Amino acid sequence: MGGADKPTLTVAGQSMLTRVLAAVHDADPRIVVGRIPADFPVPVHVTREEPAGGGPVAAASAGLALVPPHITYTALLAADLPLLTGEAVDVLRLTLESAPMEGAVYRDTDGHLQTLCGVWRTAGLRAALGRVAEARGGLTGAPVRALLEHARVAEVSWRRPGPPPWFDCDTDDDLRTAEEWAR
């Protein structure tokens, strides 16, 4: 997208990051790994992965470091999911509550797991990140699928009408499509 800071791009008048955070409006704490504008309207804790640009698994670990140990569930969400809803997050959490798994993620219609649209048992996510770090000698550059190789996850299908909650915006066309769906 031409080097744009994707989470700050707007869909239906709100930044994608603001829309993602609205889907977890009752979460405490809400943590953003990355930069946010100085005038960001939502109270969040902000951190960065080390080294910066170390990838989504390293970013997940950096964010998880700010989650208190008593928190049972952690939503692991990309910042460019403008169609994510609280209902979609609740479906994942409720699935996880009834499954002896470490996480719950959506499986799209092509059969791909949407790892960055998931809810995890906080302790299970910590353990999975530890296993990835041990297996790879660190988290920097680890692919997101490495989490799936080191954790048991429930695969959830979205069977409701409308756009899928995991729809992410990687291109200008994706952004236009999200804008149309959001209307």
Protein backbone atom coordinates (compact mmCIF):
# COMPACT_ATOMS: atom_id res chain seq x y z
CA MET A 1 0.00 0.00 0.00
CA GLY A 2 2.85 2.32 -0.85
CA GLY A 3 4.40 2.30 2.61
CA ALA A 4 1.23 3.60 4.27
CA ASP A 5 0.78 3.04 8.00
CA LYS A 6 -2.09 0.60 7.40
CA PRO A 7 -3.69 0.67 10.87
CA THR A 8 -4.22 4.44 10.55
CA LEU A 9 -6.06 4.19 7.23
CA THR A 10 -9.77 4.79 7.56
CA VAL A 11 -12.77 2.65 6.76
CA ALA A 12 -16.20 4.21 7.24
CA GLY A 13 -14.65 7.23 8.96
CA GLN A 14 -12.56 5.35 11.54
CA SER A 15 -9.00 4.08 11.45
CA MET A 16 -8.70 0.33 11.07
CA LEU A 17 -6.94 0.18 14.45
CA THR A 18 -9.79 2.06 16.13
CA ARG A 19 -12.27 -0.36 14.56
CA VAL A 20 -10.29 -3.40 15.82
CA LEU A 21 -10.10 -1.93 19.31
CA ALA A 22 -13.87 -1.29 19.25
CA ALA A 23 -14.38 -5.03 18.77
CA VAL A 24 -12.65 -5.59 22.13
CA HIS A 25 -13.97 -2.45 23.82
CA ASP A 26 -14.37 -4.22 27.16
CA ALA A 27 -10.87 -5.73 27.21
CA ASP A 28 -8.54 -4.57 29.96
CA PRO A 29 -5.78 -3.97 29.20
CA ARG A 30 -5.89 -3.15 25.50
CA ILE A 31 -2.38 -3.29 24.06
CA VAL A 32 -1.07 -2.08 20.73
CA VAL A 33 2.28 -3.28 19.45
CA GLY A 34 3.52 -0.56 17.14
CA ARG A 35 3.13 3.15 16.71
CA ILE A 36 -0.03 5.12 17.33
CA PRO A 37 -0.73 8.76 16.58
CA ALA A 38 -0.17 11.21 19.44
CA ASP A 39 -3.86 12.13 19.35
CA PHE A 40 -5.12 8.52 19.29
CA PRO A 41 -8.67 8.59 20.72
CA VAL A 42 -8.63 5.20 22.47
CA PRO A 43 -6.74 4.54 25.73
CA VAL A 44 -4.23 1.75 25.11
CA HIS A 45 -0.87 0.53 26.32
CA VAL A 46 1.76 0.74 23.60
CA THR A 47 4.88 -1.35 23.15
CA ARG A 48 7.23 -2.49 20.39
CA GLU A 49 8.85 -5.79 19.57
CA GLU A 50 12.64 -6.04 19.86
CA PRO A 51 14.06 -5.55 17.38
CA ALA A 52 11.45 -3.33 15.74
CA GLY A 53 10.14 -5.09 12.65
CA GLY A 54 10.83 -8.51 14.18
CA GLY A 55 7.54 -9.85 12.87
CA PRO A 56 4.11 -10.74 14.23
CA VAL A 57 5.27 -13.53 16.55
CA ALA A 58 7.85 -11.25 18.20
CA ALA A 59 5.15 -8.56 18.35
CA ALA A 60 2.73 -10.98 20.02
CA SER A 61 5.35 -11.75 22.65
CA ALA A 62 6.00 -8.04 23.27
CA GLY A 63 2.31 -7.36 23.72
CA LEU A 64 1.81 -10.40 25.91
CA ALA A 65 4.55 -9.14 28.23
CA LEU A 66 2.11 -6.37 29.25
CA VAL A 67 -0.78 -8.74 29.98
CA PRO A 68 -1.08 -9.45 33.72
CA PRO A 69 -0.82 -13.14 34.68
CA HIS A 70 -4.39 -13.25 36.07
CA ILE A 71 -5.95 -12.49 32.66
CA THR A 72 -7.53 -15.70 31.39
CA TYR A 73 -8.04 -14.88 27.70
CA THR A 74 -6.04 -12.78 25.25
CA ALA A 75 -7.27 -11.70 21.83
CA LEU A 76 -4.44 -11.74 19.28
CA LEU A 77 -5.59 -9.48 16.47
CA ALA A 78 -3.99 -7.83 13.48
CA ALA A 79 -4.50 -4.05 13.34
CA ASP A 80 -5.86 -4.13 9.77
CA LEU A 81 -9.11 -6.02 10.35
CA PRO A 82 -11.67 -3.24 9.76
CA LEU A 83 -14.67 -5.58 9.67
CA LEU A 84 -13.96 -7.33 12.96
CA THR A 85 -16.85 -7.20 15.42
CA GLY A 86 -17.34 -7.90 19.08
CA GLU A 87 -19.63 -10.76 18.09
CA ALA A 88 -16.82 -12.39 16.08
CA VAL A 89 -14.43 -12.13 19.05
CA ASP A 90 -17.13 -13.53 21.37
CA VAL A 91 -17.59 -16.56 19.08
CA LEU A 92 -13.88 -17.34 19.42
CA ARG A 93 -13.87 -16.83 23.20
CA LEU A 94 -16.97 -18.97 23.71
CA THR A 95 -15.47 -21.70 21.52
CA LEU A 96 -12.30 -21.63 23.60
CA GLU A 97 -14.25 -21.75 26.87
CA SER A 98 -15.72 -25.09 25.82
CA ALA A 99 -12.63 -26.60 24.15
CA PRO A 100 -9.50 -28.02 25.79
CA MET A 101 -7.31 -25.99 23.45
CA GLU A 102 -4.80 -23.17 23.81
CA GLY A 103 -6.42 -20.96 21.18
CA ALA A 104 -9.35 -20.50 18.84
CA VAL A 105 -8.90 -19.02 15.36
CA TYR A 106 -11.04 -18.70 12.27
CA ARG A 107 -10.64 -21.02 9.30
CA ASP A 108 -11.48 -19.18 6.08
CA THR A 109 -13.38 -20.65 3.15
CA ASP A 110 -10.09 -21.63 1.48
CA GLY A 111 -9.10 -23.65 4.55
CA HIS A 112 -6.47 -21.21 5.85
CA LEU A 113 -6.27 -20.51 9.56
CA GLN A 114 -6.48 -16.83 10.41
CA THR A 115 -3.97 -16.82 13.26
CA LEU A 116 -4.06 -13.04 13.70
CA CYS A 117 -7.78 -13.15 14.33
CA GLY A 118 -7.89 -15.35 17.39
CA VAL A 119 -8.51 -15.67 21.08
CA TRP A 120 -6.07 -17.57 23.26
CA ARG A 121 -5.83 -18.79 26.80
CA THR A 122 -3.22 -16.37 28.03
CA ALA A 123 -1.15 -19.11 29.68
CA GLY A 124 -1.43 -21.24 26.54
CA LEU A 125 -0.23 -18.40 24.32
CA ARG A 126 2.72 -17.78 26.64
CA ALA A 127 3.60 -21.48 26.51
CA ALA A 128 3.27 -21.64 22.71
CA LEU A 129 5.51 -18.58 22.30
CA GLY A 130 8.05 -20.22 24.60
CA ARG A 131 8.00 -23.39 22.51
CA VAL A 132 8.44 -21.38 19.30
CA ALA A 133 11.37 -19.46 20.81
CA GLU A 134 13.00 -22.68 21.98
CA ALA A 135 12.53 -24.45 18.65
CA ARG A 136 13.78 -21.50 16.57
CA GLY A 137 16.35 -20.00 18.94
CA GLY A 138 14.22 -16.84 19.27
CA LEU A 139 11.09 -15.18 17.97
CA THR A 140 12.50 -12.63 15.55
CA GLY A 141 11.33 -13.45 12.05
CA ALA A 142 9.25 -16.44 13.17
CA PRO A 143 6.28 -17.01 10.86
CA VAL A 144 2.82 -16.85 12.38
CA ARG A 145 2.20 -20.47 11.38
CA ALA A 146 4.94 -21.41 13.89
CA LEU A 147 2.43 -20.67 16.64
CA LEU A 148 0.10 -23.24 15.12
CA GLU A 149 2.92 -25.78 15.01
CA HIS A 150 3.44 -25.35 18.75
CA ALA A 151 -0.13 -25.02 20.04
CA ARG A 152 -3.46 -26.75 19.90
CA VAL A 153 -6.12 -24.49 18.40
CA ALA A 154 -9.81 -24.85 17.76
CA GLU A 155 -10.66 -24.03 14.15
CA VAL A 156 -13.82 -21.95 13.89
CA SER A 157 -15.94 -21.42 10.78
CA TRP A 158 -17.82 -18.14 10.30
CA ARG A 159 -21.33 -19.00 9.19
CA ARG A 160 -23.02 -15.64 9.40
CA PRO A 161 -24.03 -13.45 6.48
CA GLY A 162 -21.79 -10.58 5.51
CA PRO A 163 -18.06 -10.11 5.27
CA PRO A 164 -15.67 -12.35 7.18
CA PRO A 165 -14.29 -10.78 10.37
CA TRP A 166 -10.73 -11.72 9.41
CA PHE A 167 -10.82 -9.66 6.20
CA ASP A 168 -7.57 -7.69 6.22
CA CYS A 169 -6.52 -4.79 4.05
CA ASP A 170 -3.27 -5.47 2.23
CA THR A 171 -4.03 -3.52 -0.96
CA ASP A 172 -5.91 -0.41 -2.04
CA ASP A 173 -8.53 -2.73 -3.56
CA ASP A 174 -8.96 -4.43 -0.17
CA LEU A 175 -9.47 -1.03 1.43
CA ARG A 176 -12.14 -0.12 -1.13
CA THR A 177 -13.86 -3.48 -0.59
CA ALA A 178 -13.85 -2.97 3.19
CA GLU A 179 -15.31 0.51 2.71
CA GLU A 180 -18.13 -0.92 0.57
CA TRP A 181 -18.88 -3.67 3.09
CA ALA A 182 -18.77 -1.23 6.00
CA ARG A 183 -21.49 0.84 4.32
